[in-house]
N, C-alpha and C. Protein backbone atom coordinates (compact mmCIF):
# COMPACT_ATOMS: atom_id res chain seq x y z
N MET A 1 0.83 -1.20 0.00
CA MET A 1 0.00 0.00 0.00
C MET A 1 0.87 1.25 0.00
N LYS A 2 0.27 2.37 -0.35
CA LYS A 2 1.02 3.62 -0.41
C LYS A 2 1.26 4.16 0.99
N THR A 3 2.54 4.44 1.30
CA THR A 3 2.86 5.02 2.61
C THR A 3 3.53 6.38 2.46
N ASN A 4 3.53 6.91 1.26
CA ASN A 4 4.12 8.23 1.01
C ASN A 4 3.00 9.24 0.79
N LEU A 5 3.03 10.30 1.56
CA LEU A 5 2.02 11.35 1.46
C LEU A 5 2.69 12.69 1.21
N THR A 6 1.96 13.58 0.58
CA THR A 6 2.44 14.94 0.34
C THR A 6 1.53 15.92 1.09
N ALA A 7 2.14 16.85 1.80
CA ALA A 7 1.36 17.81 2.58
C ALA A 7 1.95 19.21 2.44
N LYS A 8 1.17 20.18 2.91
CA LYS A 8 1.61 21.57 2.90
C LYS A 8 1.51 22.14 4.31
N ILE A 9 2.41 23.06 4.63
CA ILE A 9 2.32 23.77 5.91
C ILE A 9 1.02 24.56 5.94
N ARG A 10 0.33 24.51 7.07
CA ARG A 10 -0.92 25.22 7.23
C ARG A 10 -0.66 26.48 8.05
N ASN A 11 -0.71 27.63 7.41
CA ASN A 11 -0.40 28.89 8.09
C ASN A 11 -1.60 29.52 8.77
N GLU A 12 -2.79 29.24 8.26
CA GLU A 12 -4.00 29.79 8.87
C GLU A 12 -4.62 28.76 9.79
N HIS A 13 -5.10 29.24 10.93
CA HIS A 13 -5.66 28.33 11.93
C HIS A 13 -7.07 28.76 12.29
N GLY A 14 -7.75 27.89 13.05
CA GLY A 14 -9.10 28.20 13.49
C GLY A 14 -10.15 27.52 12.64
N SER A 15 -11.40 27.59 13.11
CA SER A 15 -12.51 26.91 12.46
C SER A 15 -12.78 27.42 11.05
N SER A 16 -12.71 28.72 10.87
CA SER A 16 -12.99 29.29 9.55
C SER A 16 -11.96 28.84 8.52
N ALA A 17 -10.68 28.83 8.93
CA ALA A 17 -9.62 28.39 8.03
C ALA A 17 -9.78 26.92 7.68
N SER A 18 -10.18 26.11 8.66
CA SER A 18 -10.38 24.68 8.42
C SER A 18 -11.53 24.44 7.47
N ARG A 19 -12.60 25.21 7.61
CA ARG A 19 -13.74 25.06 6.70
C ARG A 19 -13.34 25.41 5.27
N ARG A 20 -12.52 26.45 5.12
CA ARG A 20 -12.07 26.82 3.77
C ARG A 20 -11.24 25.71 3.15
N LEU A 21 -10.38 25.10 3.95
CA LEU A 21 -9.57 23.98 3.45
C LEU A 21 -10.47 22.85 2.97
N ARG A 22 -11.47 22.52 3.75
CA ARG A 22 -12.35 21.40 3.39
C ARG A 22 -13.15 21.70 2.13
N ARG A 23 -13.56 22.96 1.98
CA ARG A 23 -14.27 23.33 0.76
C ARG A 23 -13.38 23.20 -0.47
N ASN A 24 -12.08 23.35 -0.27
CA ASN A 24 -11.12 23.25 -1.37
C ASN A 24 -10.58 21.82 -1.55
N GLY A 25 -11.21 20.86 -0.88
CA GLY A 25 -10.81 19.47 -1.06
C GLY A 25 -9.58 19.08 -0.27
N GLU A 26 -9.31 19.78 0.83
CA GLU A 26 -8.15 19.45 1.67
C GLU A 26 -8.60 19.10 3.09
N VAL A 27 -7.71 18.49 3.84
CA VAL A 27 -7.99 18.10 5.21
C VAL A 27 -6.97 18.74 6.15
N PRO A 28 -7.41 19.46 7.16
CA PRO A 28 -6.45 19.98 8.16
C PRO A 28 -5.92 18.82 8.99
N ALA A 29 -4.63 18.88 9.32
CA ALA A 29 -4.00 17.81 10.10
C ALA A 29 -2.87 18.42 10.93
N ILE A 30 -2.28 17.59 11.77
CA ILE A 30 -1.17 18.06 12.58
C ILE A 30 -0.17 16.92 12.78
N ILE A 31 1.10 17.26 12.84
CA ILE A 31 2.16 16.32 13.16
C ILE A 31 2.77 16.78 14.49
N TYR A 32 2.90 15.85 15.43
CA TYR A 32 3.45 16.22 16.75
C TYR A 32 4.37 15.12 17.24
N GLY A 33 5.07 15.39 18.35
CA GLY A 33 5.89 14.38 19.01
C GLY A 33 7.38 14.53 18.79
N SER A 34 8.14 13.64 19.45
CA SER A 34 9.60 13.59 19.40
C SER A 34 10.25 14.89 19.85
N ASP A 35 9.63 15.57 20.79
CA ASP A 35 10.16 16.80 21.37
C ASP A 35 10.33 17.92 20.35
N ASN A 36 9.70 17.78 19.19
CA ASN A 36 9.72 18.84 18.19
C ASN A 36 8.41 19.61 18.22
N LYS A 37 8.45 20.79 17.68
CA LYS A 37 7.27 21.64 17.65
C LYS A 37 6.18 21.01 16.80
N ALA A 38 4.94 21.12 17.26
CA ALA A 38 3.81 20.62 16.49
C ALA A 38 3.74 21.36 15.15
N MET A 39 3.43 20.61 14.08
CA MET A 39 3.42 21.18 12.74
C MET A 39 2.02 21.03 12.13
N PRO A 40 1.27 22.14 12.01
CA PRO A 40 -0.03 22.07 11.36
C PRO A 40 0.15 21.95 9.84
N ILE A 41 -0.55 20.99 9.24
CA ILE A 41 -0.42 20.75 7.80
C ILE A 41 -1.80 20.56 7.17
N SER A 42 -1.82 20.47 5.86
CA SER A 42 -3.04 20.11 5.13
C SER A 42 -2.69 19.08 4.07
N LEU A 43 -3.64 18.15 3.85
CA LEU A 43 -3.43 17.08 2.89
C LEU A 43 -4.62 16.99 1.93
N ASP A 44 -4.41 16.33 0.81
CA ASP A 44 -5.49 16.09 -0.14
C ASP A 44 -6.55 15.19 0.50
N HIS A 45 -7.80 15.63 0.43
CA HIS A 45 -8.87 14.90 1.10
C HIS A 45 -9.05 13.47 0.57
N ASN A 46 -9.18 13.33 -0.75
CA ASN A 46 -9.48 12.01 -1.30
C ASN A 46 -8.36 11.01 -1.04
N THR A 47 -7.13 11.48 -1.04
CA THR A 47 -6.00 10.58 -0.75
C THR A 47 -6.13 10.00 0.65
N ILE A 48 -6.42 10.86 1.63
CA ILE A 48 -6.57 10.41 3.00
C ILE A 48 -7.84 9.59 3.19
N TYR A 49 -8.91 10.02 2.57
CA TYR A 49 -10.19 9.33 2.71
C TYR A 49 -10.08 7.85 2.33
N TYR A 50 -9.48 7.58 1.19
CA TYR A 50 -9.36 6.20 0.73
C TYR A 50 -8.25 5.45 1.46
N ALA A 51 -7.22 6.15 1.88
CA ALA A 51 -6.16 5.50 2.65
C ALA A 51 -6.69 4.98 3.99
N LEU A 52 -7.59 5.74 4.62
CA LEU A 52 -8.14 5.34 5.91
C LEU A 52 -8.96 4.06 5.83
N LYS A 53 -9.42 3.69 4.66
CA LYS A 53 -10.18 2.47 4.48
C LYS A 53 -9.29 1.23 4.48
N ASN A 54 -7.99 1.44 4.34
CA ASN A 54 -7.04 0.34 4.30
C ASN A 54 -6.52 0.07 5.71
N GLU A 55 -6.70 -1.14 6.20
CA GLU A 55 -6.30 -1.48 7.56
C GLU A 55 -4.81 -1.22 7.81
N GLU A 56 -3.96 -1.54 6.83
CA GLU A 56 -2.52 -1.39 7.02
C GLU A 56 -2.10 0.06 7.18
N PHE A 57 -2.88 0.98 6.64
CA PHE A 57 -2.55 2.39 6.75
C PHE A 57 -2.49 2.82 8.22
N HIS A 58 -3.29 2.19 9.05
CA HIS A 58 -3.40 2.57 10.46
C HIS A 58 -2.22 2.07 11.29
N THR A 59 -1.44 1.14 10.74
CA THR A 59 -0.31 0.58 11.51
C THR A 59 1.02 0.70 10.76
N SER A 60 1.03 1.44 9.66
CA SER A 60 2.25 1.59 8.86
C SER A 60 3.03 2.84 9.26
N ILE A 61 4.35 2.79 9.08
CA ILE A 61 5.16 3.99 9.21
C ILE A 61 4.97 4.77 7.92
N LEU A 62 4.46 5.98 8.04
CA LEU A 62 4.13 6.81 6.87
C LEU A 62 5.22 7.85 6.64
N ASN A 63 5.51 8.09 5.40
CA ASN A 63 6.48 9.13 5.02
C ASN A 63 5.71 10.33 4.46
N ILE A 64 5.80 11.44 5.14
CA ILE A 64 5.10 12.64 4.69
C ILE A 64 6.12 13.69 4.26
N ASP A 65 5.94 14.16 3.05
CA ASP A 65 6.76 15.25 2.51
C ASP A 65 6.00 16.55 2.73
N VAL A 66 6.48 17.36 3.66
CA VAL A 66 5.82 18.63 3.98
C VAL A 66 6.66 19.77 3.40
N ASP A 67 6.25 20.23 2.23
CA ASP A 67 6.99 21.31 1.56
C ASP A 67 8.49 21.02 1.50
N GLY A 68 8.84 19.76 1.20
CA GLY A 68 10.25 19.40 1.06
C GLY A 68 10.88 18.82 2.31
N THR A 69 10.21 18.93 3.46
CA THR A 69 10.73 18.36 4.70
C THR A 69 10.13 16.96 4.90
N LYS A 70 10.99 15.98 5.12
CA LYS A 70 10.54 14.60 5.28
C LYS A 70 10.21 14.30 6.74
N GLU A 71 9.08 13.71 6.97
CA GLU A 71 8.66 13.31 8.32
C GLU A 71 8.22 11.85 8.30
N LYS A 72 8.69 11.07 9.28
CA LYS A 72 8.22 9.70 9.46
C LYS A 72 7.20 9.71 10.60
N VAL A 73 5.99 9.21 10.32
CA VAL A 73 4.92 9.33 11.31
C VAL A 73 4.05 8.07 11.35
N LEU A 74 3.25 8.02 12.41
CA LEU A 74 2.19 7.03 12.53
C LEU A 74 0.86 7.77 12.62
N LEU A 75 -0.17 7.23 12.02
CA LEU A 75 -1.50 7.78 12.19
C LEU A 75 -1.95 7.55 13.62
N ARG A 76 -2.40 8.61 14.28
CA ARG A 76 -2.84 8.47 15.67
C ARG A 76 -4.35 8.59 15.81
N SER A 77 -4.98 9.46 15.06
CA SER A 77 -6.43 9.57 15.13
C SER A 77 -6.95 10.29 13.90
N SER A 78 -8.21 10.03 13.61
CA SER A 78 -8.87 10.72 12.50
C SER A 78 -10.31 11.04 12.90
N GLN A 79 -10.77 12.18 12.50
CA GLN A 79 -12.13 12.60 12.82
C GLN A 79 -12.94 12.63 11.54
N LEU A 80 -14.06 11.90 11.53
CA LEU A 80 -14.92 11.81 10.35
C LEU A 80 -16.22 12.56 10.59
N HIS A 81 -16.81 13.05 9.51
CA HIS A 81 -18.11 13.72 9.60
C HIS A 81 -19.17 12.71 10.03
N ALA A 82 -20.15 13.18 10.77
CA ALA A 82 -21.18 12.28 11.32
C ALA A 82 -21.96 11.54 10.23
N TYR A 83 -22.23 12.17 9.08
CA TYR A 83 -23.01 11.48 8.05
C TYR A 83 -22.48 11.68 6.63
N LYS A 84 -21.61 12.65 6.43
CA LYS A 84 -21.00 12.83 5.12
C LYS A 84 -19.76 11.95 4.97
N GLN A 85 -19.43 11.63 3.73
CA GLN A 85 -18.18 10.89 3.47
C GLN A 85 -17.03 11.89 3.42
N GLN A 86 -16.69 12.37 4.60
CA GLN A 86 -15.70 13.44 4.70
C GLN A 86 -14.81 13.26 5.93
N VAL A 87 -13.51 13.43 5.72
CA VAL A 87 -12.55 13.42 6.81
C VAL A 87 -12.39 14.85 7.29
N LEU A 88 -12.56 15.09 8.58
CA LEU A 88 -12.52 16.44 9.12
C LEU A 88 -11.14 16.83 9.63
N HIS A 89 -10.41 15.86 10.22
CA HIS A 89 -9.10 16.19 10.80
C HIS A 89 -8.31 14.91 11.01
N VAL A 90 -7.00 15.01 10.93
CA VAL A 90 -6.13 13.85 11.13
C VAL A 90 -4.96 14.25 12.01
N ASP A 91 -4.58 13.34 12.94
CA ASP A 91 -3.41 13.55 13.79
C ASP A 91 -2.34 12.50 13.47
N PHE A 92 -1.10 12.96 13.32
CA PHE A 92 0.03 12.06 13.10
C PHE A 92 1.06 12.27 14.21
N GLN A 93 1.73 11.20 14.60
CA GLN A 93 2.80 11.29 15.60
C GLN A 93 4.13 10.93 14.95
N ARG A 94 5.14 11.78 15.17
CA ARG A 94 6.49 11.47 14.68
C ARG A 94 7.00 10.20 15.37
N VAL A 95 7.77 9.42 14.63
CA VAL A 95 8.33 8.20 15.22
C VAL A 95 9.85 8.29 15.22
N SER A 96 10.43 7.68 16.23
CA SER A 96 11.88 7.60 16.35
C SER A 96 12.28 6.13 16.33
N GLU A 97 13.38 5.83 15.68
CA GLU A 97 13.84 4.44 15.59
C GLU A 97 14.25 3.89 16.96
N LYS A 98 14.51 4.77 17.92
CA LYS A 98 15.01 4.34 19.23
C LYS A 98 13.94 4.30 20.31
N GLU A 99 12.76 4.83 20.02
CA GLU A 99 11.72 4.91 21.03
C GLU A 99 10.63 3.87 20.79
N GLU A 100 10.23 3.16 21.85
CA GLU A 100 9.13 2.21 21.73
C GLU A 100 7.80 2.95 21.68
N ILE A 101 6.89 2.41 20.93
CA ILE A 101 5.61 3.06 20.68
C ILE A 101 4.47 2.17 21.17
N HIS A 102 3.46 2.78 21.75
CA HIS A 102 2.23 2.08 22.10
C HIS A 102 1.22 2.29 20.98
N ILE A 103 0.67 1.20 20.46
CA ILE A 103 -0.29 1.32 19.36
C ILE A 103 -1.22 0.11 19.39
N ARG A 104 -2.45 0.30 18.95
CA ARG A 104 -3.41 -0.79 18.88
C ARG A 104 -3.28 -1.50 17.52
N ILE A 105 -3.25 -2.83 17.58
CA ILE A 105 -3.06 -3.65 16.38
C ILE A 105 -4.25 -4.59 16.24
N PRO A 106 -4.80 -4.74 15.03
CA PRO A 106 -5.94 -5.65 14.84
C PRO A 106 -5.53 -7.11 14.96
N LEU A 107 -6.50 -7.94 15.36
CA LEU A 107 -6.31 -9.38 15.43
C LEU A 107 -6.97 -10.02 14.22
N HIS A 108 -6.29 -10.97 13.59
CA HIS A 108 -6.85 -11.73 12.48
C HIS A 108 -7.02 -13.18 12.92
N PHE A 109 -8.28 -13.63 12.99
CA PHE A 109 -8.57 -15.00 13.38
C PHE A 109 -8.68 -15.87 12.13
N ILE A 110 -7.93 -16.98 12.09
CA ILE A 110 -7.95 -17.85 10.91
C ILE A 110 -8.31 -19.29 11.30
N ASN A 111 -8.78 -20.05 10.32
CA ASN A 111 -9.10 -21.48 10.45
C ASN A 111 -10.21 -21.77 11.44
N GLU A 112 -11.12 -20.84 11.63
CA GLU A 112 -12.24 -21.10 12.54
C GLU A 112 -13.16 -22.19 11.99
N GLU A 113 -13.46 -22.11 10.68
CA GLU A 113 -14.42 -23.02 10.06
C GLU A 113 -13.94 -24.47 10.09
N VAL A 114 -12.61 -24.67 10.06
CA VAL A 114 -12.07 -26.04 10.05
C VAL A 114 -11.56 -26.46 11.42
N SER A 115 -11.82 -25.66 12.43
CA SER A 115 -11.35 -25.99 13.78
C SER A 115 -12.11 -27.19 14.33
N HIS A 116 -11.50 -27.88 15.30
CA HIS A 116 -12.14 -29.04 15.94
C HIS A 116 -13.44 -28.61 16.62
N ALA A 117 -13.43 -27.47 17.26
CA ALA A 117 -14.61 -27.00 17.98
C ALA A 117 -15.81 -26.83 17.05
N VAL A 118 -15.60 -26.25 15.88
CA VAL A 118 -16.70 -25.97 14.96
C VAL A 118 -17.06 -27.20 14.12
N LYS A 119 -16.05 -27.84 13.54
CA LYS A 119 -16.29 -28.92 12.58
C LYS A 119 -16.74 -30.21 13.25
N VAL A 120 -16.19 -30.53 14.41
CA VAL A 120 -16.50 -31.80 15.07
C VAL A 120 -17.51 -31.62 16.20
N GLN A 121 -17.34 -30.56 16.98
CA GLN A 121 -18.16 -30.39 18.18
C GLN A 121 -19.32 -29.42 18.00
N SER A 122 -19.47 -28.87 16.81
CA SER A 122 -20.58 -27.94 16.50
C SER A 122 -20.63 -26.76 17.46
N ALA A 123 -19.47 -26.30 17.87
CA ALA A 123 -19.41 -25.16 18.79
C ALA A 123 -19.44 -23.84 18.01
N HIS A 124 -19.61 -22.78 18.75
CA HIS A 124 -19.62 -21.43 18.15
C HIS A 124 -18.47 -20.63 18.74
N ILE A 125 -17.66 -20.00 17.88
CA ILE A 125 -16.52 -19.22 18.35
C ILE A 125 -16.90 -17.75 18.47
N THR A 126 -16.59 -17.16 19.60
CA THR A 126 -16.88 -15.75 19.85
C THR A 126 -15.58 -14.97 20.00
N HIS A 127 -15.48 -13.86 19.28
CA HIS A 127 -14.33 -12.97 19.42
C HIS A 127 -14.65 -11.98 20.54
N ILE A 128 -13.88 -12.01 21.59
CA ILE A 128 -14.11 -11.12 22.73
C ILE A 128 -13.47 -9.75 22.47
N VAL A 129 -12.30 -9.74 21.85
CA VAL A 129 -11.66 -8.49 21.44
C VAL A 129 -11.18 -8.63 20.00
N ASN A 130 -11.10 -7.52 19.30
CA ASN A 130 -10.67 -7.54 17.90
C ASN A 130 -9.35 -6.82 17.67
N ASP A 131 -8.81 -6.20 18.71
CA ASP A 131 -7.49 -5.58 18.60
C ASP A 131 -6.83 -5.56 19.98
N VAL A 132 -5.52 -5.35 19.99
CA VAL A 132 -4.78 -5.32 21.25
C VAL A 132 -3.77 -4.18 21.22
N GLU A 133 -3.42 -3.68 22.39
CA GLU A 133 -2.41 -2.63 22.48
C GLU A 133 -1.04 -3.29 22.65
N ILE A 134 -0.10 -2.88 21.79
CA ILE A 134 1.24 -3.44 21.87
C ILE A 134 2.25 -2.34 22.18
N LYS A 135 3.47 -2.79 22.51
CA LYS A 135 4.60 -1.90 22.74
C LYS A 135 5.75 -2.44 21.91
N ALA A 136 6.30 -1.59 21.01
CA ALA A 136 7.36 -2.05 20.12
C ALA A 136 8.07 -0.87 19.48
N LEU A 137 9.27 -1.11 18.99
CA LEU A 137 9.95 -0.11 18.16
C LEU A 137 9.21 0.01 16.85
N ALA A 138 9.34 1.16 16.21
CA ALA A 138 8.61 1.42 14.96
C ALA A 138 8.87 0.34 13.92
N LYS A 139 10.10 -0.12 13.81
CA LYS A 139 10.46 -1.11 12.79
C LYS A 139 9.84 -2.48 13.06
N ASP A 140 9.42 -2.74 14.30
CA ASP A 140 8.88 -4.05 14.67
C ASP A 140 7.35 -4.08 14.72
N ILE A 141 6.70 -2.96 14.44
CA ILE A 141 5.24 -2.93 14.53
C ILE A 141 4.62 -3.76 13.42
N PRO A 142 3.83 -4.79 13.76
CA PRO A 142 3.17 -5.61 12.73
C PRO A 142 1.89 -4.93 12.25
N HIS A 143 1.43 -5.30 11.06
CA HIS A 143 0.16 -4.76 10.57
C HIS A 143 -1.02 -5.43 11.29
N PHE A 144 -0.81 -6.67 11.74
CA PHE A 144 -1.84 -7.40 12.48
C PHE A 144 -1.17 -8.55 13.22
N ILE A 145 -1.91 -9.14 14.15
CA ILE A 145 -1.45 -10.34 14.86
C ILE A 145 -2.42 -11.46 14.51
N GLU A 146 -1.87 -12.56 14.02
CA GLU A 146 -2.69 -13.68 13.55
C GLU A 146 -2.90 -14.70 14.67
N ILE A 147 -4.14 -15.19 14.78
CA ILE A 147 -4.48 -16.21 15.76
C ILE A 147 -5.05 -17.42 15.02
N ASP A 148 -4.33 -18.53 15.06
CA ASP A 148 -4.77 -19.75 14.38
C ASP A 148 -5.69 -20.53 15.32
N MET A 149 -6.95 -20.71 14.89
CA MET A 149 -7.96 -21.33 15.75
C MET A 149 -8.18 -22.81 15.45
N LYS A 150 -7.36 -23.42 14.61
CA LYS A 150 -7.65 -24.78 14.14
C LYS A 150 -7.69 -25.82 15.26
N ASP A 151 -6.96 -25.61 16.35
CA ASP A 151 -6.89 -26.61 17.42
C ASP A 151 -7.81 -26.30 18.60
N ILE A 152 -8.60 -25.25 18.52
CA ILE A 152 -9.45 -24.88 19.65
C ILE A 152 -10.54 -25.93 19.85
N GLN A 153 -10.85 -26.23 21.12
CA GLN A 153 -11.86 -27.21 21.50
C GLN A 153 -13.06 -26.49 22.12
N ALA A 154 -14.22 -27.13 22.05
CA ALA A 154 -15.42 -26.56 22.68
C ALA A 154 -15.15 -26.37 24.17
N GLY A 155 -15.51 -25.22 24.68
CA GLY A 155 -15.29 -24.91 26.08
C GLY A 155 -13.95 -24.25 26.36
N GLN A 156 -13.11 -24.15 25.34
CA GLN A 156 -11.78 -23.57 25.54
C GLN A 156 -11.80 -22.07 25.31
N THR A 157 -10.94 -21.36 26.04
CA THR A 157 -10.79 -19.91 25.89
C THR A 157 -9.35 -19.57 25.52
N ILE A 158 -9.19 -18.69 24.55
CA ILE A 158 -7.86 -18.21 24.17
C ILE A 158 -7.58 -16.92 24.93
N HIS A 159 -6.43 -16.85 25.60
CA HIS A 159 -6.05 -15.66 26.36
C HIS A 159 -4.89 -14.94 25.67
N LEU A 160 -4.61 -13.74 26.13
CA LEU A 160 -3.50 -12.96 25.56
C LEU A 160 -2.19 -13.72 25.63
N SER A 161 -1.99 -14.47 26.71
CA SER A 161 -0.74 -15.21 26.89
C SER A 161 -0.59 -16.34 25.88
N ASN A 162 -1.68 -16.70 25.18
CA ASN A 162 -1.61 -17.77 24.17
C ASN A 162 -1.22 -17.25 22.79
N LEU A 163 -1.15 -15.92 22.62
CA LEU A 163 -0.87 -15.36 21.30
C LEU A 163 0.60 -15.52 20.93
N ALA A 164 0.84 -15.80 19.66
CA ALA A 164 2.20 -15.88 19.13
C ALA A 164 2.57 -14.49 18.62
N LEU A 165 3.49 -13.83 19.30
CA LEU A 165 3.84 -12.45 18.97
C LEU A 165 5.08 -12.38 18.10
N PRO A 166 5.12 -11.41 17.17
CA PRO A 166 6.34 -11.21 16.38
C PRO A 166 7.48 -10.77 17.29
N LYS A 167 8.70 -10.95 16.84
CA LYS A 167 9.88 -10.57 17.61
C LYS A 167 9.85 -9.06 17.91
N GLY A 168 10.17 -8.72 19.16
CA GLY A 168 10.24 -7.32 19.55
C GLY A 168 8.92 -6.71 19.96
N VAL A 169 7.84 -7.52 19.98
CA VAL A 169 6.51 -7.00 20.30
C VAL A 169 6.07 -7.51 21.68
N GLN A 170 5.56 -6.60 22.51
CA GLN A 170 5.03 -6.96 23.83
C GLN A 170 3.58 -6.48 23.93
N LEU A 171 2.77 -7.26 24.64
CA LEU A 171 1.39 -6.87 24.89
C LEU A 171 1.33 -6.03 26.16
N VAL A 172 0.77 -4.84 26.06
CA VAL A 172 0.72 -3.91 27.18
C VAL A 172 -0.07 -4.51 28.35
N SER A 173 -1.18 -5.19 28.07
CA SER A 173 -1.98 -5.78 29.14
C SER A 173 -1.20 -6.83 29.93
N LEU A 174 -0.40 -7.65 29.23
CA LEU A 174 0.39 -8.66 29.92
C LEU A 174 1.47 -8.02 30.79
N ILE A 175 2.03 -6.92 30.30
CA ILE A 175 3.03 -6.19 31.10
C ILE A 175 2.40 -5.73 32.41
N ARG A 176 1.13 -5.38 32.35
CA ARG A 176 0.40 -4.92 33.55
C ARG A 176 -0.13 -6.09 34.38
N GLY A 177 0.08 -7.32 33.91
CA GLY A 177 -0.40 -8.49 34.64
C GLY A 177 -1.83 -8.85 34.35
N GLU A 178 -2.37 -8.39 33.23
CA GLU A 178 -3.76 -8.65 32.87
C GLU A 178 -3.82 -9.60 31.67
N ASP A 179 -4.10 -10.88 31.95
CA ASP A 179 -4.16 -11.90 30.90
C ASP A 179 -5.61 -12.07 30.45
N ALA A 180 -6.11 -11.10 29.70
CA ALA A 180 -7.52 -11.08 29.32
C ALA A 180 -7.85 -12.15 28.28
N ALA A 181 -9.13 -12.52 28.22
CA ALA A 181 -9.61 -13.47 27.22
C ALA A 181 -9.73 -12.78 25.87
N VAL A 182 -9.40 -13.51 24.81
CA VAL A 182 -9.44 -12.98 23.46
C VAL A 182 -10.59 -13.59 22.65
N ALA A 183 -10.78 -14.90 22.80
CA ALA A 183 -11.85 -15.61 22.09
C ALA A 183 -12.18 -16.88 22.85
N ASN A 184 -13.40 -17.39 22.63
CA ASN A 184 -13.75 -18.67 23.23
C ASN A 184 -14.67 -19.46 22.31
N ALA A 185 -14.77 -20.76 22.59
CA ALA A 185 -15.63 -21.65 21.80
C ALA A 185 -16.69 -22.24 22.71
N SER A 186 -17.94 -22.00 22.38
CA SER A 186 -19.03 -22.54 23.18
C SER A 186 -20.12 -23.01 22.22
N GLY A 187 -21.03 -23.87 22.72
CA GLY A 187 -22.09 -24.35 21.83
C GLY A 187 -22.77 -25.58 22.33
N ILE A 188 -23.07 -26.47 21.40
CA ILE A 188 -23.91 -27.63 21.69
C ILE A 188 -23.33 -28.50 22.80
N VAL A 189 -22.03 -28.77 22.74
CA VAL A 189 -21.40 -29.65 23.73
C VAL A 189 -21.59 -29.11 25.14
N GLU A 190 -21.34 -27.80 25.30
CA GLU A 190 -21.47 -27.20 26.62
C GLU A 190 -22.92 -27.18 27.08
N GLU A 191 -23.86 -26.97 26.13
CA GLU A 191 -25.28 -26.91 26.48
C GLU A 191 -25.77 -28.26 26.97
N VAL A 192 -25.31 -29.35 26.33
CA VAL A 192 -25.71 -30.69 26.76
C VAL A 192 -25.18 -30.97 28.15
N GLU A 193 -23.92 -30.62 28.40
CA GLU A 193 -23.33 -30.84 29.72
C GLU A 193 -24.06 -30.05 30.78
N ALA A 194 -24.42 -28.81 30.44
CA ALA A 194 -25.14 -27.97 31.39
C ALA A 194 -26.51 -28.57 31.70
N ALA A 195 -27.17 -29.11 30.67
CA ALA A 195 -28.49 -29.71 30.87
C ALA A 195 -28.39 -30.94 31.75
N GLN A 196 -27.34 -31.74 31.56
CA GLN A 196 -27.15 -32.93 32.38
C GLN A 196 -26.91 -32.56 33.84
N GLU A 197 -26.11 -31.51 34.07
CA GLU A 197 -25.82 -31.08 35.43
C GLU A 197 -27.07 -30.53 36.13
N ALA A 198 -28.02 -30.01 35.33
CA ALA A 198 -29.22 -29.40 35.90
C ALA A 198 -30.17 -30.46 36.47
N VAL A 199 -30.04 -31.73 36.02
CA VAL A 199 -30.91 -32.79 36.51
C VAL A 199 -30.37 -33.32 37.85
N SER A 200 -31.12 -33.14 38.90
CA SER A 200 -30.69 -33.59 40.23
C SER A 200 -31.55 -34.76 40.70
N VAL A 201 -31.16 -35.37 41.81
CA VAL A 201 -31.92 -36.49 42.38
C VAL A 201 -33.34 -36.06 42.70
N ALA A 202 -33.49 -34.82 43.14
CA ALA A 202 -34.81 -34.33 43.52
C ALA A 202 -35.76 -34.27 42.33
N ASP A 203 -35.20 -34.21 41.13
CA ASP A 203 -36.04 -34.12 39.94
C ASP A 203 -36.55 -35.48 39.47
N ILE A 204 -35.99 -36.59 40.03
CA ILE A 204 -36.38 -37.93 39.61
C ILE A 204 -37.53 -38.40 40.51
N PRO A 205 -38.68 -38.70 39.92
CA PRO A 205 -39.83 -39.11 40.75
C PRO A 205 -39.59 -40.43 41.47
N THR A 206 -40.10 -40.55 42.70
CA THR A 206 -39.97 -41.77 43.47
C THR A 206 -41.09 -42.73 43.09
N VAL A 207 -41.01 -43.97 43.63
CA VAL A 207 -42.05 -44.98 43.34
C VAL A 207 -43.39 -44.53 43.87
N GLU A 208 -43.37 -43.93 45.09
CA GLU A 208 -44.63 -43.46 45.70
C GLU A 208 -45.27 -42.38 44.87
N GLU A 209 -44.43 -41.46 44.34
CA GLU A 209 -44.96 -40.38 43.53
C GLU A 209 -45.60 -40.91 42.26
N LYS A 210 -44.96 -41.92 41.67
CA LYS A 210 -45.51 -42.50 40.46
C LYS A 210 -46.86 -43.15 40.72
N LYS A 211 -46.96 -43.90 41.90
CA LYS A 211 -48.23 -44.56 42.23
C LYS A 211 -49.34 -43.56 42.45
N SER A 212 -48.99 -42.47 43.13
CA SER A 212 -50.01 -41.46 43.42
C SER A 212 -50.51 -40.81 42.15
N GLU A 213 -49.59 -40.67 41.21
CA GLU A 213 -49.99 -40.08 39.92
C GLU A 213 -50.91 -41.00 39.15
N GLU A 214 -50.69 -42.31 39.32
CA GLU A 214 -51.55 -43.29 38.64
C GLU A 214 -52.93 -43.33 39.29
C-alpha cells in the first residue's frame, strides 16, 4: 500500500480556516511528538479518505513530505463527519527508531471453520476483542497479529498469553499483569453438559410419587 504522502504547511488556523480547506478538497492535520514543535499541515482529502479504508494504513510507518521536509509518522487519530463521506481532521505522531511506541493492532482469526470445535463439536466461536495494544519499536510494529484457531476445543478460551507475537513485540496488558480473554468456543457440547448437570436427584420421581400419579 502507499505510505508516502504529500502535505503543505498550514499557516492559517481556526474553524474558519479549516472550513475553507475542506471546501477546497483538503484536510487539516497536525504532526506532533519527538520533542519537536507541532506542525499544522493540510493534505489532499481524497488521498486520506481512501487510505483510511485500508487497515494497514493505520499501523504503517508513513512518510510525509511537507513542503520538502521529510517526516516519518504514525496515524494516531482521524475525525470523520457524522453522516457525510468526509474526513474532518487527522493527527500524526512522529516516530523515532530508538523509542518504543504504544499502538493498537488488529487481530486476524484464521481457520475457525475447520477448527475441531466448529467442525467436530458444532461449537460457536466468539471474538471477545478484535485488537490489542502493543509496545514495540517502529520497525517491529506488525500490521496485524494472527491467531490460528484450528486446534481450539469446545469450552476452551484463548487468552492474551496464548498469542504468538512477532519478535520485539510486547502486549501492554500482559506487562500490567492482565491476561484477558481474546476468544472462546461454546455451543452444543457445553449446552448438553449444562443440561445434564441441571438434573438432580430431587427431579427424579420416586415410586410413591408414580403410584399417586396413577
